[in-house]
């Protein structure tokens, strides 16, 4: 077992240098590296005091990435944060705007349009449902996207 707070701090700083880490992520990685619980907790305390571990700030940053880059639905954003070690209290405190979800879903499907446009409409709908479900979109959002797609592909009513 390694026994130096200095060594643990050096390793933690190396991990933080690559990307932002939550308190839980750092705790797990330091324990995996073989540091004792007391050294891990002391190191975490030092890093928090220095402002290098800030879970609420990290959660806000990750939320923006999940929404804008990964185009995840609201449940997908929550799962992404939970997977990164953000506590449920912090996740519940973050406002995830539901009104943006439909726009993100449409943007995601527009990006996938080229790969699914060669399929018949019903097959396209199945593929779109699968994509959106895997990304954590709500069922009502999925249904609205599907209804819009059906309206686009429905034949025009009336005579010419």
N, C-alpha and C. Protein backbone atom coordinates (compact mmCIF):
# COMPACT_ATOMS: atom_id res chain seq x y z
N UNK A 1 0.83 -1.20 0.00
CA UNK A 1 0.00 0.00 0.00
C UNK A 1 0.87 1.25 0.00
N UNK A 2 0.41 2.21 -0.71
CA UNK A 2 1.13 3.47 -0.72
C UNK A 2 0.65 4.30 0.47
N UNK A 3 1.53 5.11 1.01
CA UNK A 3 1.17 5.74 2.27
C UNK A 3 1.47 7.22 2.35
N UNK A 4 1.62 7.88 1.26
CA UNK A 4 1.97 9.29 1.32
C UNK A 4 0.86 10.15 0.73
N UNK A 5 0.46 11.17 1.47
CA UNK A 5 -0.54 12.11 0.96
C UNK A 5 0.02 12.83 -0.26
N UNK A 6 1.31 13.08 -0.23
CA UNK A 6 1.96 13.74 -1.36
C UNK A 6 1.85 12.90 -2.63
N UNK A 7 2.10 11.59 -2.50
CA UNK A 7 1.98 10.70 -3.67
C UNK A 7 0.54 10.65 -4.17
N UNK A 8 -0.40 10.58 -3.24
CA UNK A 8 -1.81 10.54 -3.62
C UNK A 8 -2.22 11.83 -4.31
N UNK A 9 -1.74 12.94 -3.78
CA UNK A 9 -2.07 14.24 -4.38
C UNK A 9 -1.49 14.35 -5.79
N UNK A 10 -0.26 13.88 -5.96
CA UNK A 10 0.37 13.90 -7.28
C UNK A 10 -0.43 13.07 -8.28
N UNK A 11 -0.85 11.89 -7.85
CA UNK A 11 -1.64 11.02 -8.73
C UNK A 11 -2.99 11.66 -9.05
N UNK A 12 -3.63 12.25 -8.04
CA UNK A 12 -4.93 12.90 -8.25
C UNK A 12 -4.80 14.07 -9.22
N UNK A 13 -3.74 14.85 -9.07
CA UNK A 13 -3.53 15.99 -9.97
C UNK A 13 -3.30 15.52 -11.40
N UNK A 14 -2.63 14.40 -11.55
CA UNK A 14 -2.41 13.84 -12.88
C UNK A 14 -3.76 13.45 -13.51
N UNK A 15 -4.64 12.89 -12.70
CA UNK A 15 -5.97 12.50 -13.20
C UNK A 15 -6.80 13.73 -13.56
N UNK A 16 -6.73 14.75 -12.72
CA UNK A 16 -7.52 15.97 -12.94
C UNK A 16 -7.02 16.72 -14.17
N UNK A 17 -5.74 16.60 -14.45
CA UNK A 17 -5.17 17.30 -15.60
C UNK A 17 -5.82 16.86 -16.91
N UNK A 18 -6.20 15.59 -17.01
CA UNK A 18 -6.80 15.09 -18.25
C UNK A 18 -8.22 15.58 -18.44
N UNK A 19 -9.02 15.54 -17.38
CA UNK A 19 -10.40 16.02 -17.43
C UNK A 19 -10.90 16.23 -16.01
N UNK A 20 -11.98 17.00 -15.90
CA UNK A 20 -12.57 17.23 -14.59
C UNK A 20 -13.07 15.93 -13.99
N UNK A 21 -12.88 15.76 -12.71
CA UNK A 21 -13.30 14.54 -12.03
C UNK A 21 -14.15 14.89 -10.82
N UNK A 22 -15.11 14.04 -10.55
CA UNK A 22 -15.93 14.22 -9.36
C UNK A 22 -15.20 13.66 -8.15
N UNK A 23 -15.69 14.01 -6.99
CA UNK A 23 -15.09 13.51 -5.75
C UNK A 23 -15.12 11.98 -5.72
N UNK A 24 -16.24 11.41 -6.13
CA UNK A 24 -16.36 9.94 -6.13
C UNK A 24 -15.38 9.30 -7.11
N UNK A 25 -15.24 9.88 -8.29
CA UNK A 25 -14.30 9.33 -9.27
C UNK A 25 -12.88 9.33 -8.72
N UNK A 26 -12.47 10.44 -8.13
CA UNK A 26 -11.11 10.52 -7.58
C UNK A 26 -10.93 9.56 -6.41
N UNK A 27 -11.93 9.48 -5.55
CA UNK A 27 -11.85 8.56 -4.42
C UNK A 27 -11.67 7.13 -4.91
N UNK A 28 -12.48 6.75 -5.88
CA UNK A 28 -12.39 5.38 -6.42
C UNK A 28 -11.04 5.12 -7.08
N UNK A 29 -10.56 6.07 -7.87
CA UNK A 29 -9.29 5.88 -8.58
C UNK A 29 -8.11 5.81 -7.61
N UNK A 30 -8.13 6.64 -6.58
CA UNK A 30 -7.03 6.61 -5.60
C UNK A 30 -7.05 5.32 -4.80
N UNK A 31 -8.25 4.86 -4.44
CA UNK A 31 -8.36 3.59 -3.72
C UNK A 31 -7.89 2.43 -4.60
N UNK A 32 -8.23 2.49 -5.88
CA UNK A 32 -7.81 1.47 -6.83
C UNK A 32 -6.29 1.45 -6.98
N UNK A 33 -5.69 2.60 -6.86
CA UNK A 33 -4.23 2.72 -6.97
C UNK A 33 -3.53 2.16 -5.73
N UNK A 34 -4.28 1.95 -4.64
CA UNK A 34 -3.71 1.32 -3.46
C UNK A 34 -3.50 2.24 -2.28
N UNK A 35 -4.03 3.45 -2.32
CA UNK A 35 -3.89 4.36 -1.20
C UNK A 35 -4.92 4.01 -0.12
N UNK A 36 -4.54 4.19 1.14
CA UNK A 36 -5.45 3.87 2.25
C UNK A 36 -6.58 4.89 2.30
N UNK A 37 -7.65 4.51 2.99
CA UNK A 37 -8.83 5.37 3.08
C UNK A 37 -8.52 6.71 3.74
N UNK A 38 -7.68 6.69 4.77
CA UNK A 38 -7.35 7.94 5.46
C UNK A 38 -6.56 8.88 4.55
N UNK A 39 -5.65 8.34 3.77
CA UNK A 39 -4.86 9.16 2.85
C UNK A 39 -5.75 9.69 1.73
N UNK A 40 -6.64 8.85 1.24
CA UNK A 40 -7.56 9.28 0.19
C UNK A 40 -8.44 10.42 0.69
N UNK A 41 -9.00 10.28 1.89
CA UNK A 41 -9.88 11.33 2.41
C UNK A 41 -9.11 12.62 2.67
N UNK A 42 -7.87 12.51 3.15
CA UNK A 42 -7.04 13.69 3.38
C UNK A 42 -6.71 14.38 2.05
N UNK A 43 -6.40 13.60 1.05
CA UNK A 43 -6.10 14.15 -0.27
C UNK A 43 -7.31 14.85 -0.87
N UNK A 44 -8.47 14.22 -0.76
CA UNK A 44 -9.71 14.81 -1.27
C UNK A 44 -9.99 16.13 -0.56
N UNK A 45 -9.77 16.14 0.75
CA UNK A 45 -10.00 17.36 1.53
C UNK A 45 -9.08 18.49 1.05
N UNK A 46 -7.81 18.16 0.80
CA UNK A 46 -6.85 19.16 0.31
C UNK A 46 -7.26 19.70 -1.07
N UNK A 47 -7.67 18.80 -1.94
CA UNK A 47 -8.05 19.21 -3.30
C UNK A 47 -9.34 20.04 -3.30
N UNK A 48 -10.26 19.71 -2.39
CA UNK A 48 -11.48 20.50 -2.28
C UNK A 48 -11.16 21.90 -1.78
N UNK A 49 -10.27 21.95 -0.78
CA UNK A 49 -9.88 23.25 -0.22
C UNK A 49 -9.20 24.12 -1.28
N UNK A 50 -8.44 23.50 -2.15
CA UNK A 50 -7.75 24.22 -3.22
C UNK A 50 -8.69 24.57 -4.38
N UNK A 51 -9.92 24.03 -4.34
CA UNK A 51 -10.89 24.32 -5.40
C UNK A 51 -10.74 23.46 -6.63
N UNK A 52 -9.98 22.39 -6.53
CA UNK A 52 -9.78 21.52 -7.69
C UNK A 52 -10.87 20.46 -7.83
N UNK A 53 -11.61 20.24 -6.76
CA UNK A 53 -12.77 19.35 -6.82
C UNK A 53 -13.98 20.20 -6.49
N UNK A 54 -14.88 20.32 -7.45
CA UNK A 54 -16.08 21.12 -7.27
C UNK A 54 -17.20 20.42 -8.02
N UNK A 55 -17.88 19.50 -7.35
CA UNK A 55 -18.91 18.69 -8.00
C UNK A 55 -20.06 19.50 -8.60
N UNK A 56 -20.59 20.53 -7.92
CA UNK A 56 -21.67 21.30 -8.56
C UNK A 56 -21.24 21.97 -9.86
N UNK A 57 -20.05 22.53 -9.89
CA UNK A 57 -19.54 23.16 -11.11
C UNK A 57 -19.34 22.11 -12.20
N UNK A 58 -18.76 20.97 -11.83
CA UNK A 58 -18.54 19.89 -12.79
C UNK A 58 -19.87 19.40 -13.35
N UNK A 59 -20.88 19.30 -12.48
CA UNK A 59 -22.19 18.83 -12.93
C UNK A 59 -22.79 19.79 -13.96
N UNK A 60 -22.66 21.08 -13.72
CA UNK A 60 -23.17 22.07 -14.70
C UNK A 60 -22.43 21.94 -16.03
N UNK A 61 -21.14 21.79 -15.96
CA UNK A 61 -20.32 21.65 -17.16
C UNK A 61 -20.69 20.38 -17.93
N UNK A 62 -20.83 19.27 -17.21
CA UNK A 62 -21.18 18.00 -17.85
C UNK A 62 -22.59 18.04 -18.43
N UNK A 63 -23.49 18.76 -17.77
CA UNK A 63 -24.85 18.89 -18.28
C UNK A 63 -24.84 19.58 -19.64
N UNK A 64 -24.07 20.64 -19.76
CA UNK A 64 -23.98 21.34 -21.04
C UNK A 64 -23.39 20.43 -22.12
N UNK A 65 -22.37 19.66 -21.77
CA UNK A 65 -21.78 18.73 -22.73
C UNK A 65 -22.80 17.68 -23.16
N UNK A 66 -23.52 17.12 -22.18
CA UNK A 66 -24.49 16.07 -22.48
C UNK A 66 -25.61 16.60 -23.37
N UNK A 67 -26.03 17.83 -23.14
CA UNK A 67 -27.12 18.39 -23.92
C UNK A 67 -26.67 18.90 -25.28
N UNK A 68 -25.57 19.62 -25.33
CA UNK A 68 -25.18 20.29 -26.57
C UNK A 68 -24.31 19.44 -27.49
N UNK A 69 -23.45 18.61 -26.91
CA UNK A 69 -22.54 17.81 -27.73
C UNK A 69 -23.09 16.41 -27.96
N UNK A 70 -23.48 15.75 -26.88
CA UNK A 70 -23.96 14.38 -27.00
C UNK A 70 -25.43 14.30 -27.39
N UNK A 71 -26.16 15.43 -27.30
CA UNK A 71 -27.58 15.50 -27.65
C UNK A 71 -28.40 14.45 -26.90
N UNK A 72 -28.19 14.35 -25.60
CA UNK A 72 -28.92 13.40 -24.78
C UNK A 72 -30.25 13.99 -24.33
N UNK A 73 -31.22 13.11 -24.09
CA UNK A 73 -32.49 13.54 -23.50
C UNK A 73 -32.30 13.80 -22.02
N UNK A 74 -33.36 14.25 -21.36
CA UNK A 74 -33.24 14.60 -19.94
C UNK A 74 -32.83 13.42 -19.07
N UNK A 75 -33.43 12.26 -19.32
CA UNK A 75 -33.02 11.07 -18.54
C UNK A 75 -31.61 10.65 -18.89
N UNK A 76 -31.22 10.83 -20.12
CA UNK A 76 -29.86 10.52 -20.54
C UNK A 76 -28.84 11.42 -19.86
N UNK A 77 -29.20 12.69 -19.68
CA UNK A 77 -28.32 13.63 -18.98
C UNK A 77 -28.15 13.19 -17.53
N UNK A 78 -29.25 12.81 -16.88
CA UNK A 78 -29.18 12.36 -15.49
C UNK A 78 -28.31 11.11 -15.36
N UNK A 79 -28.49 10.17 -16.27
CA UNK A 79 -27.68 8.96 -16.24
C UNK A 79 -26.20 9.27 -16.47
N UNK A 80 -25.92 10.17 -17.40
CA UNK A 80 -24.54 10.58 -17.69
C UNK A 80 -23.88 11.17 -16.45
N UNK A 81 -24.60 12.02 -15.74
CA UNK A 81 -24.06 12.63 -14.52
C UNK A 81 -23.85 11.58 -13.43
N UNK A 82 -24.81 10.68 -13.29
CA UNK A 82 -24.71 9.63 -12.27
C UNK A 82 -23.51 8.73 -12.56
N UNK A 83 -23.31 8.43 -13.83
CA UNK A 83 -22.19 7.58 -14.24
C UNK A 83 -20.85 8.25 -13.95
N UNK A 84 -20.81 9.56 -13.99
CA UNK A 84 -19.58 10.30 -13.71
C UNK A 84 -19.37 10.55 -12.21
N UNK A 85 -20.25 10.01 -11.37
CA UNK A 85 -20.04 10.10 -9.93
C UNK A 85 -20.64 11.32 -9.27
N UNK A 86 -21.55 12.01 -9.93
CA UNK A 86 -22.22 13.16 -9.34
C UNK A 86 -23.35 12.65 -8.45
N UNK A 87 -23.47 13.20 -7.24
CA UNK A 87 -24.47 12.71 -6.29
C UNK A 87 -25.88 13.08 -6.73
N UNK A 88 -26.86 12.31 -6.23
CA UNK A 88 -28.26 12.54 -6.59
C UNK A 88 -28.73 13.92 -6.14
N UNK A 89 -28.21 14.39 -5.01
CA UNK A 89 -28.60 15.71 -4.51
C UNK A 89 -28.21 16.80 -5.50
N UNK A 90 -27.01 16.71 -6.03
CA UNK A 90 -26.54 17.71 -6.99
C UNK A 90 -27.30 17.58 -8.30
N UNK A 91 -27.55 16.34 -8.72
CA UNK A 91 -28.30 16.12 -9.97
C UNK A 91 -29.70 16.71 -9.86
N UNK A 92 -30.35 16.50 -8.72
CA UNK A 92 -31.70 17.03 -8.56
C UNK A 92 -31.71 18.55 -8.48
N UNK A 93 -30.60 19.15 -8.07
CA UNK A 93 -30.51 20.61 -8.00
C UNK A 93 -30.25 21.28 -9.33
N UNK A 94 -29.83 20.51 -10.31
CA UNK A 94 -29.55 21.08 -11.64
C UNK A 94 -30.84 21.14 -12.42
N UNK A 95 -31.10 22.28 -13.02
CA UNK A 95 -32.32 22.41 -13.81
C UNK A 95 -32.05 21.93 -15.23
N UNK A 96 -32.79 20.91 -15.62
CA UNK A 96 -32.70 20.39 -16.98
C UNK A 96 -33.99 20.80 -17.66
N UNK A 97 -33.91 21.76 -18.55
CA UNK A 97 -35.08 22.34 -19.18
C UNK A 97 -35.71 21.35 -20.15
N UNK A 98 -36.98 21.01 -19.89
CA UNK A 98 -37.68 20.06 -20.73
C UNK A 98 -38.09 20.62 -22.07
N UNK A 99 -38.21 21.93 -22.18
CA UNK A 99 -38.65 22.52 -23.44
C UNK A 99 -37.59 22.39 -24.53
N UNK A 100 -36.34 22.27 -24.13
CA UNK A 100 -35.26 22.12 -25.11
C UNK A 100 -35.16 20.70 -25.65
N UNK A 101 -35.78 19.76 -24.97
CA UNK A 101 -35.61 18.35 -25.33
C UNK A 101 -36.10 18.06 -26.74
N UNK A 102 -37.21 18.63 -27.14
CA UNK A 102 -37.75 18.38 -28.48
C UNK A 102 -36.79 18.90 -29.55
N UNK A 103 -36.22 20.09 -29.33
CA UNK A 103 -35.27 20.63 -30.31
C UNK A 103 -34.02 19.76 -30.41
N UNK A 104 -33.54 19.27 -29.26
CA UNK A 104 -32.36 18.39 -29.29
C UNK A 104 -32.66 17.10 -30.03
N UNK A 105 -33.86 16.55 -29.81
CA UNK A 105 -34.25 15.31 -30.49
C UNK A 105 -34.31 15.53 -32.00
N UNK A 106 -34.89 16.64 -32.41
CA UNK A 106 -34.98 16.92 -33.85
C UNK A 106 -33.59 17.13 -34.45
N UNK A 107 -32.72 17.79 -33.70
CA UNK A 107 -31.35 18.01 -34.18
C UNK A 107 -30.61 16.68 -34.32
N UNK A 108 -30.80 15.79 -33.35
CA UNK A 108 -30.17 14.48 -33.39
C UNK A 108 -30.66 13.68 -34.59
N UNK A 109 -31.96 13.67 -34.80
CA UNK A 109 -32.53 12.91 -35.91
C UNK A 109 -32.12 13.52 -37.25
N UNK A 110 -32.01 14.84 -37.31
CA UNK A 110 -31.55 15.48 -38.55
C UNK A 110 -30.14 15.02 -38.90
N UNK A 111 -29.32 14.81 -37.90
CA UNK A 111 -27.97 14.32 -38.14
C UNK A 111 -27.94 12.87 -38.58
N UNK A 112 -28.94 12.11 -38.18
CA UNK A 112 -29.02 10.69 -38.56
C UNK A 112 -29.82 10.48 -39.84
N UNK A 113 -30.38 11.54 -40.38
CA UNK A 113 -31.28 11.45 -41.53
C UNK A 113 -30.65 10.75 -42.72
N UNK A 114 -29.40 11.04 -42.98
CA UNK A 114 -28.73 10.47 -44.14
C UNK A 114 -28.64 8.94 -44.04
N UNK A 115 -28.40 8.43 -42.84
CA UNK A 115 -28.22 6.99 -42.69
C UNK A 115 -29.53 6.22 -42.63
N UNK A 116 -30.64 6.89 -42.30
CA UNK A 116 -31.90 6.15 -42.19
C UNK A 116 -32.90 6.50 -43.30
N UNK A 117 -32.59 7.46 -44.15
CA UNK A 117 -33.56 7.91 -45.15
C UNK A 117 -33.81 6.89 -46.25
N UNK A 118 -32.94 5.91 -46.42
CA UNK A 118 -33.12 4.91 -47.47
C UNK A 118 -34.13 3.82 -47.09
N UNK A 119 -34.53 3.79 -45.83
CA UNK A 119 -35.46 2.77 -45.35
C UNK A 119 -36.90 3.22 -45.57
N UNK A 120 -37.82 2.25 -45.61
CA UNK A 120 -39.25 2.62 -45.67
C UNK A 120 -39.64 3.38 -44.38
N UNK A 121 -40.74 4.09 -44.44
CA UNK A 121 -41.15 4.96 -43.34
C UNK A 121 -41.27 4.22 -42.01
N UNK A 122 -41.90 3.06 -42.01
CA UNK A 122 -42.09 2.33 -40.75
C UNK A 122 -40.76 1.88 -40.15
N UNK A 123 -39.83 1.49 -40.99
CA UNK A 123 -38.49 1.11 -40.52
C UNK A 123 -37.75 2.34 -39.99
N UNK A 124 -37.92 3.47 -40.65
CA UNK A 124 -37.32 4.72 -40.17
C UNK A 124 -37.84 5.06 -38.78
N UNK A 125 -39.15 4.89 -38.60
CA UNK A 125 -39.76 5.20 -37.31
C UNK A 125 -39.19 4.31 -36.22
N UNK A 126 -39.05 3.02 -36.51
CA UNK A 126 -38.46 2.10 -35.52
C UNK A 126 -37.03 2.50 -35.17
N UNK A 127 -36.27 2.86 -36.18
CA UNK A 127 -34.88 3.26 -35.93
C UNK A 127 -34.82 4.55 -35.10
N UNK A 128 -35.67 5.50 -35.43
CA UNK A 128 -35.70 6.76 -34.69
C UNK A 128 -36.09 6.52 -33.24
N UNK A 129 -37.11 5.68 -33.02
CA UNK A 129 -37.51 5.37 -31.65
C UNK A 129 -36.35 4.77 -30.87
N UNK A 130 -35.65 3.83 -31.49
CA UNK A 130 -34.51 3.20 -30.82
C UNK A 130 -33.41 4.19 -30.48
N UNK A 131 -33.09 5.05 -31.43
CA UNK A 131 -32.04 6.05 -31.21
C UNK A 131 -32.42 6.96 -30.04
N UNK A 132 -33.64 7.46 -30.06
CA UNK A 132 -34.07 8.40 -29.03
C UNK A 132 -34.20 7.74 -27.66
N UNK A 133 -34.69 6.51 -27.64
CA UNK A 133 -34.79 5.80 -26.36
C UNK A 133 -33.41 5.56 -25.75
N UNK A 134 -32.46 5.16 -26.58
CA UNK A 134 -31.10 4.92 -26.07
C UNK A 134 -30.45 6.20 -25.57
N UNK A 135 -30.84 7.33 -26.09
CA UNK A 135 -30.27 8.60 -25.66
C UNK A 135 -31.02 9.21 -24.47
N UNK A 136 -32.05 8.55 -23.98
CA UNK A 136 -32.73 9.01 -22.78
C UNK A 136 -33.83 10.03 -22.99
N UNK A 137 -34.47 10.01 -24.13
CA UNK A 137 -35.57 10.94 -24.39
C UNK A 137 -36.87 10.40 -23.82
N UNK A 138 -37.76 11.30 -23.42
CA UNK A 138 -39.06 10.93 -22.88
C UNK A 138 -39.96 10.41 -24.00
N UNK A 139 -40.92 9.57 -23.63
CA UNK A 139 -41.80 8.97 -24.63
C UNK A 139 -42.64 10.02 -25.35
N UNK A 140 -43.09 11.04 -24.63
CA UNK A 140 -43.89 12.06 -25.31
C UNK A 140 -43.06 12.85 -26.33
N UNK A 141 -41.80 13.06 -26.03
CA UNK A 141 -40.91 13.73 -27.00
C UNK A 141 -40.72 12.85 -28.23
N UNK A 142 -40.51 11.56 -28.00
CA UNK A 142 -40.34 10.62 -29.12
C UNK A 142 -41.59 10.61 -29.99
N UNK A 143 -42.75 10.55 -29.35
CA UNK A 143 -44.00 10.53 -30.11
C UNK A 143 -44.20 11.81 -30.92
N UNK A 144 -43.80 12.95 -30.37
CA UNK A 144 -43.93 14.21 -31.10
C UNK A 144 -43.01 14.21 -32.33
N UNK A 145 -41.80 13.69 -32.18
CA UNK A 145 -40.87 13.61 -33.31
C UNK A 145 -41.43 12.68 -34.38
N UNK A 146 -41.98 11.55 -33.95
CA UNK A 146 -42.56 10.57 -34.89
C UNK A 146 -43.76 11.18 -35.62
N UNK A 147 -44.62 11.89 -34.87
CA UNK A 147 -45.78 12.53 -35.50
C UNK A 147 -45.35 13.56 -36.53
N UNK A 148 -44.32 14.33 -36.22
CA UNK A 148 -43.80 15.30 -37.19
C UNK A 148 -43.28 14.60 -38.44
N UNK A 149 -42.59 13.48 -38.25
CA UNK A 149 -42.06 12.72 -39.38
C UNK A 149 -43.20 12.18 -40.24
N UNK A 150 -44.25 11.69 -39.60
CA UNK A 150 -45.39 11.16 -40.36
C UNK A 150 -46.08 12.28 -41.14
N UNK A 151 -46.18 13.47 -40.54
CA UNK A 151 -46.80 14.59 -41.24
C UNK A 151 -45.99 14.97 -42.48
N UNK A 152 -44.66 14.91 -42.36
CA UNK A 152 -43.80 15.23 -43.50
C UNK A 152 -44.00 14.25 -44.65
N UNK A 153 -44.23 12.97 -44.31
CA UNK A 153 -44.32 11.93 -45.33
C UNK A 153 -45.75 11.63 -45.76
N UNK A 154 -46.74 12.26 -45.14
CA UNK A 154 -48.12 11.96 -45.53
C UNK A 154 -48.44 12.66 -46.85
N UNK A 155 -49.24 12.00 -47.69
CA UNK A 155 -49.59 12.63 -48.97
C UNK A 155 -50.49 13.84 -48.72
N UNK A 156 -50.32 14.84 -49.56
CA UNK A 156 -51.12 16.07 -49.43
C UNK A 156 -52.58 15.74 -49.70
N UNK A 157 -53.45 16.34 -48.89
CA UNK A 157 -54.89 16.15 -49.09
C UNK A 157 -55.41 17.22 -50.04
N UNK A 158 -56.38 16.86 -50.80
CA UNK A 158 -56.96 17.83 -51.72
C UNK A 158 -56.55 17.54 -53.15
N UNK A 159 -57.18 18.23 -54.07
CA UNK A 159 -56.90 18.05 -55.50
C UNK A 159 -56.02 19.16 -56.02
N UNK A 160 -55.34 18.86 -57.11
CA UNK A 160 -54.50 19.87 -57.75
C UNK A 160 -55.17 20.42 -58.95
